[in-house]
Amino acid sequence: MLKNYPKTRFIGHADAFWANISADYANETAYPSGKIKRGGITDNWLSDYPNLFADLSANSGNNALSRDPEFTDGFLRRHEDKLIFGSDCACTDGKGGGVSQAGNPAASRLAGKCVLLRKKLAPEVFRKVTWGNAHRIYRISAG
């Protein structure tokens, strides 16, 4: 689909997209843990297809970012122009506090997610990921 429709923008999101960040993912769990093996489909496709972007919101994106900090640093640098942070998090204090997804206890993994991005990214890249990329990708006017 990515190859056949190069003018269509695709936004990757959800469990399988983010679990496949690791080359050794075998569809055994929605939220794998542990080190990420380089060469995963998600990472490769983001590099190979200019029309694929990635939504970091929800548990799946947070799991992918938080499970292997060393991998995450490089991933964020490689794909900073293709990442969108559409938050499901009801952060009430700017420090990751609050419960997301209508109080869903499984969503507690989102706590501090925006703070993780702020710690990992330079201010100009943080702004790009949390605001600028979506405006560019979706062609939303800022004014």
C-alpha atoms as a PDB file:
ATOM      1  CA  MET A   1       0.000   0.000   0.000  1.00  0.00           C
ATOM      2  CA  LEU A   2       2.806   2.393   0.893  1.00  0.00           C
ATOM      3  CA  LYS A   3       4.548   1.708  -2.405  1.00  0.00           C
ATOM      4  CA  ASN A   4       1.390   1.633  -4.539  1.00  0.00           C
ATOM      5  CA  TYR A   5       0.025   4.907  -3.158  1.00  0.00           C
ATOM      6  CA  PRO A   6       3.027   7.199  -2.697  1.00  0.00           C
ATOM      7  CA  LYS A   7       0.888  10.365  -2.602  1.00  0.00           C
ATOM      8  CA  THR A   8      -1.269   9.055   0.244  1.00  0.00           C
ATOM      9  CA  ARG A   9      -0.072   9.828   3.748  1.00  0.00           C
ATOM     10  CA  PHE A  10      -0.264   6.845   6.071  1.00  0.00           C
ATOM     11  CA  ILE A  11      -0.079   7.236   9.840  1.00  0.00           C
ATOM     12  CA  GLY A  12       1.136   4.167  11.710  1.00  0.00           C
ATOM     13  CA  HIS A  13      -0.422   3.657  15.128  1.00  0.00           C
ATOM     14  CA  ALA A  14      -1.496   0.950  17.588  1.00  0.00           C
ATOM     15  CA  ASP A  15      -0.099  -2.260  18.986  1.00  0.00           C
ATOM     16  CA  ALA A  16       1.203  -4.145  15.940  1.00  0.00           C
ATOM     17  CA  PHE A  17       2.758  -1.079  14.341  1.00  0.00           C
ATOM     18  CA  TRP A  18       4.743  -0.205  17.462  1.00  0.00           C
ATOM     19  CA  ALA A  19       5.522  -3.778  18.519  1.00  0.00           C
ATOM     20  CA  ASN A  20       7.167  -4.282  15.116  1.00  0.00           C
ATOM     21  CA  ILE A  21       9.739  -1.631  15.982  1.00  0.00           C
ATOM     22  CA  SER A  22      11.805  -4.666  17.011  1.00  0.00           C
ATOM     23  CA  ALA A  23      13.019  -7.172  14.400  1.00  0.00           C
ATOM     24  CA  ASP A  24      12.332 -10.090  16.737  1.00  0.00           C
ATOM     25  CA  TYR A  25       8.632  -9.382  17.317  1.00  0.00           C
ATOM     26  CA  ALA A  26       6.594 -12.587  16.873  1.00  0.00           C
ATOM     27  CA  ASN A  27       3.039 -11.363  17.590  1.00  0.00           C
ATOM     28  CA  GLU A  28       3.145 -12.872  21.082  1.00  0.00           C
ATOM     29  CA  THR A  29       1.956  -9.828  23.022  1.00  0.00           C
ATOM     30  CA  ALA A  30       0.577  -6.375  22.299  1.00  0.00           C
ATOM     31  CA  TYR A  31       3.146  -4.656  24.531  1.00  0.00           C
ATOM     32  CA  PRO A  32       6.500  -6.447  24.272  1.00  0.00           C
ATOM     33  CA  SER A  33       9.228  -5.566  26.741  1.00  0.00           C
ATOM     34  CA  GLY A  34      13.002  -5.641  26.771  1.00  0.00           C
ATOM     35  CA  LYS A  35      15.676  -4.501  24.375  1.00  0.00           C
ATOM     36  CA  ILE A  36      14.662  -3.701  20.816  1.00  0.00           C
ATOM     37  CA  LYS A  37      16.434  -5.664  18.107  1.00  0.00           C
ATOM     38  CA  ARG A  38      17.425  -3.328  15.296  1.00  0.00           C
ATOM     39  CA  GLY A  39      15.894  -3.868  11.860  1.00  0.00           C
ATOM     40  CA  GLY A  40      12.221  -3.888  12.816  1.00  0.00           C
ATOM     41  CA  ILE A  41       9.628  -3.249  10.136  1.00  0.00           C
ATOM     42  CA  THR A  42       8.380  -0.049  11.734  1.00  0.00           C
ATOM     43  CA  ASP A  43      11.818   1.551  11.849  1.00  0.00           C
ATOM     44  CA  ASN A  44      12.696   0.360   8.342  1.00  0.00           C
ATOM     45  CA  TRP A  45       9.448   1.480   6.749  1.00  0.00           C
ATOM     46  CA  LEU A  46       9.678   4.926   8.330  1.00  0.00           C
ATOM     47  CA  SER A  47      13.081   5.228   6.655  1.00  0.00           C
ATOM     48  CA  ASP A  48      12.043   3.699   3.331  1.00  0.00           C
ATOM     49  CA  TYR A  49       8.669   5.342   2.680  1.00  0.00           C
ATOM     50  CA  PRO A  50       8.345   9.130   2.654  1.00  0.00           C
ATOM     51  CA  ASN A  51       4.552   8.790   2.927  1.00  0.00           C
ATOM     52  CA  LEU A  52       4.599   6.864   6.244  1.00  0.00           C
ATOM     53  CA  PHE A  53       4.398   8.750   9.521  1.00  0.00           C
ATOM     54  CA  ALA A  54       4.030   7.539  13.110  1.00  0.00           C
ATOM     55  CA  ASP A  55       1.597   8.527  15.845  1.00  0.00           C
ATOM     56  CA  LEU A  56       3.234   8.228  19.269  1.00  0.00           C
ATOM     57  CA  SER A  57       0.012   8.486  21.263  1.00  0.00           C
ATOM     58  CA  ALA A  58      -1.516   5.747  23.371  1.00  0.00           C
ATOM     59  CA  ASN A  59       0.006   2.827  25.206  1.00  0.00           C
ATOM     60  CA  SER A  60       1.615   1.254  22.142  1.00  0.00           C
ATOM     61  CA  GLY A  61       3.751   4.265  21.231  1.00  0.00           C
ATOM     62  CA  ASN A  62       4.707   4.818  24.854  1.00  0.00           C
ATOM     63  CA  ASN A  63       5.700   1.174  25.239  1.00  0.00           C
ATOM     64  CA  ALA A  64       7.897   1.359  22.142  1.00  0.00           C
ATOM     65  CA  LEU A  65       9.627   4.524  23.369  1.00  0.00           C
ATOM     66  CA  SER A  66      10.134   3.460  26.958  1.00  0.00           C
ATOM     67  CA  ARG A  67      11.329  -0.130  26.651  1.00  0.00           C
ATOM     68  CA  ASP A  68      14.858   0.510  25.321  1.00  0.00           C
ATOM     69  CA  PRO A  69      16.214   4.025  25.983  1.00  0.00           C
ATOM     70  CA  GLU A  70      19.373   3.496  23.923  1.00  0.00           C
ATOM     71  CA  PHE A  71      17.378   2.478  20.839  1.00  0.00           C
ATOM     72  CA  THR A  72      14.841   5.243  21.436  1.00  0.00           C
ATOM     73  CA  ASP A  73      17.453   8.003  21.289  1.00  0.00           C
ATOM     74  CA  GLY A  74      18.528   6.966  17.781  1.00  0.00           C
ATOM     75  CA  PHE A  75      14.955   6.279  16.650  1.00  0.00           C
ATOM     76  CA  LEU A  76      13.839   9.766  17.659  1.00  0.00           C
ATOM     77  CA  ARG A  77      16.802  11.337  15.837  1.00  0.00           C
ATOM     78  CA  ARG A  78      16.212   9.269  12.676  1.00  0.00           C
ATOM     79  CA  HIS A  79      12.504   9.991  12.457  1.00  0.00           C
ATOM     80  CA  GLU A  80      11.972  13.371  14.136  1.00  0.00           C
ATOM     81  CA  ASP A  81      10.307  14.730  10.973  1.00  0.00           C
ATOM     82  CA  LYS A  82       7.852  11.830  10.771  1.00  0.00           C
ATOM     83  CA  LEU A  83       6.646  11.557  14.375  1.00  0.00           C
ATOM     84  CA  ILE A  84       3.358  12.956  15.648  1.00  0.00           C
ATOM     85  CA  PHE A  85       2.424  13.148  19.298  1.00  0.00           C
ATOM     86  CA  GLY A  86      -1.379  13.064  19.346  1.00  0.00           C
ATOM     87  CA  SER A  87      -1.903  12.605  23.042  1.00  0.00           C
ATOM     88  CA  ASP A  88      -4.450  10.370  24.689  1.00  0.00           C
ATOM     89  CA  CYS A  89      -2.955  11.517  27.978  1.00  0.00           C
ATOM     90  CA  ALA A  90      -5.010  13.764  30.202  1.00  0.00           C
ATOM     91  CA  CYS A  91      -1.891  15.394  31.626  1.00  0.00           C
ATOM     92  CA  THR A  92      -3.184  17.896  34.142  1.00  0.00           C
ATOM     93  CA  ASP A  93       0.051  19.326  35.490  1.00  0.00           C
ATOM     94  CA  GLY A  94       2.571  19.456  32.618  1.00  0.00           C
ATOM     95  CA  LYS A  95       4.588  16.760  34.381  1.00  0.00           C
ATOM     96  CA  GLY A  96       2.702  13.666  33.206  1.00  0.00           C
ATOM     97  CA  GLY A  97       0.052  13.612  35.936  1.00  0.00           C
ATOM     98  CA  GLY A  98      -3.508  12.574  35.219  1.00  0.00           C
ATOM     99  CA  VAL A  99      -5.319   9.462  34.044  1.00  0.00           C
ATOM    100  CA  SER A 100      -5.960   8.873  30.391  1.00  0.00           C
ATOM    101  CA  GLN A 101      -8.566   7.100  28.302  1.00  0.00           C
ATOM    102  CA  ALA A 102     -11.545   7.647  30.583  1.00  0.00           C
ATOM    103  CA  GLY A 103      -9.789   6.311  33.665  1.00  0.00           C
ATOM    104  CA  ASN A 104      -8.712   3.037  32.029  1.00  0.00           C
ATOM    105  CA  PRO A 105      -6.199   1.474  34.481  1.00  0.00           C
ATOM    106  CA  ALA A 106      -4.335  -0.170  31.572  1.00  0.00           C
ATOM    107  CA  ALA A 107      -3.599   3.307  30.265  1.00  0.00           C
ATOM    108  CA  SER A 108      -1.509   4.174  33.312  1.00  0.00           C
ATOM    109  CA  ARG A 109       1.513   3.417  31.130  1.00  0.00           C
ATOM    110  CA  LEU A 110       0.992   6.835  29.571  1.00  0.00           C
ATOM    111  CA  ALA A 111       1.874   8.628  32.792  1.00  0.00           C
ATOM    112  CA  GLY A 112       4.842  10.864  32.124  1.00  0.00           C
ATOM    113  CA  LYS A 113       4.959  10.150  28.392  1.00  0.00           C
ATOM    114  CA  CYS A 114       5.092  13.774  27.322  1.00  0.00           C
ATOM    115  CA  VAL A 115       7.750  14.279  29.978  1.00  0.00           C
ATOM    116  CA  LEU A 116       9.773  11.419  28.432  1.00  0.00           C
ATOM    117  CA  LEU A 117       9.705  13.206  25.075  1.00  0.00           C
ATOM    118  CA  ARG A 118      10.633  16.526  26.645  1.00  0.00           C
ATOM    119  CA  LYS A 119      13.631  14.917  28.366  1.00  0.00           C
ATOM    120  CA  LYS A 120      14.787  13.119  25.208  1.00  0.00           C
ATOM    121  CA  LEU A 121      14.327  15.872  22.620  1.00  0.00           C
ATOM    122  CA  ALA A 122      15.893  19.271  22.122  1.00  0.00           C
ATOM    123  CA  PRO A 123      13.253  22.018  22.544  1.00  0.00           C
ATOM    124  CA  GLU A 124      12.964  22.677  18.803  1.00  0.00           C
ATOM    125  CA  VAL A 125      12.537  18.955  18.067  1.00  0.00           C
ATOM    126  CA  PHE A 126      10.011  18.585  20.919  1.00  0.00           C
ATOM    127  CA  ARG A 127       7.951  21.381  19.330  1.00  0.00           C
ATOM    128  CA  LYS A 128       8.219  19.684  15.937  1.00  0.00           C
ATOM    129  CA  VAL A 129       7.013  16.328  17.282  1.00  0.00           C
ATOM    130  CA  THR A 130       4.238  17.742  19.474  1.00  0.00           C
ATOM    131  CA  TRP A 131       2.966  20.385  17.068  1.00  0.00           C
ATOM    132  CA  GLY A 132       4.891  21.183  13.904  1.00  0.00           C
ATOM    133  CA  ASN A 133       4.899  17.818  12.164  1.00  0.00           C
ATOM    134  CA  ALA A 134       1.135  17.366  12.434  1.00  0.00           C
ATOM    135  CA  HIS A 135       0.548  20.848  11.031  1.00  0.00           C
ATOM    136  CA  ARG A 136       2.869  20.113   8.114  1.00  0.00           C
ATOM    137  CA  ILE A 137       1.663  16.546   7.429  1.00  0.00           C
ATOM    138  CA  TYR A 138      -2.050  17.354   7.702  1.00  0.00           C
ATOM    139  CA  ARG A 139      -1.569  20.776   6.046  1.00  0.00           C
ATOM    140  CA  ILE A 140      -3.191  22.606   8.939  1.00  0.00           C
ATOM    141  CA  SER A 141      -2.784  26.340   8.952  1.00  0.00           C
ATOM    142  CA  ALA A 142      -1.260  27.730  12.135  1.00  0.00           C
ATOM    143  CA  GLY A 143      -3.223  30.928  11.918  1.00  0.00           C
END
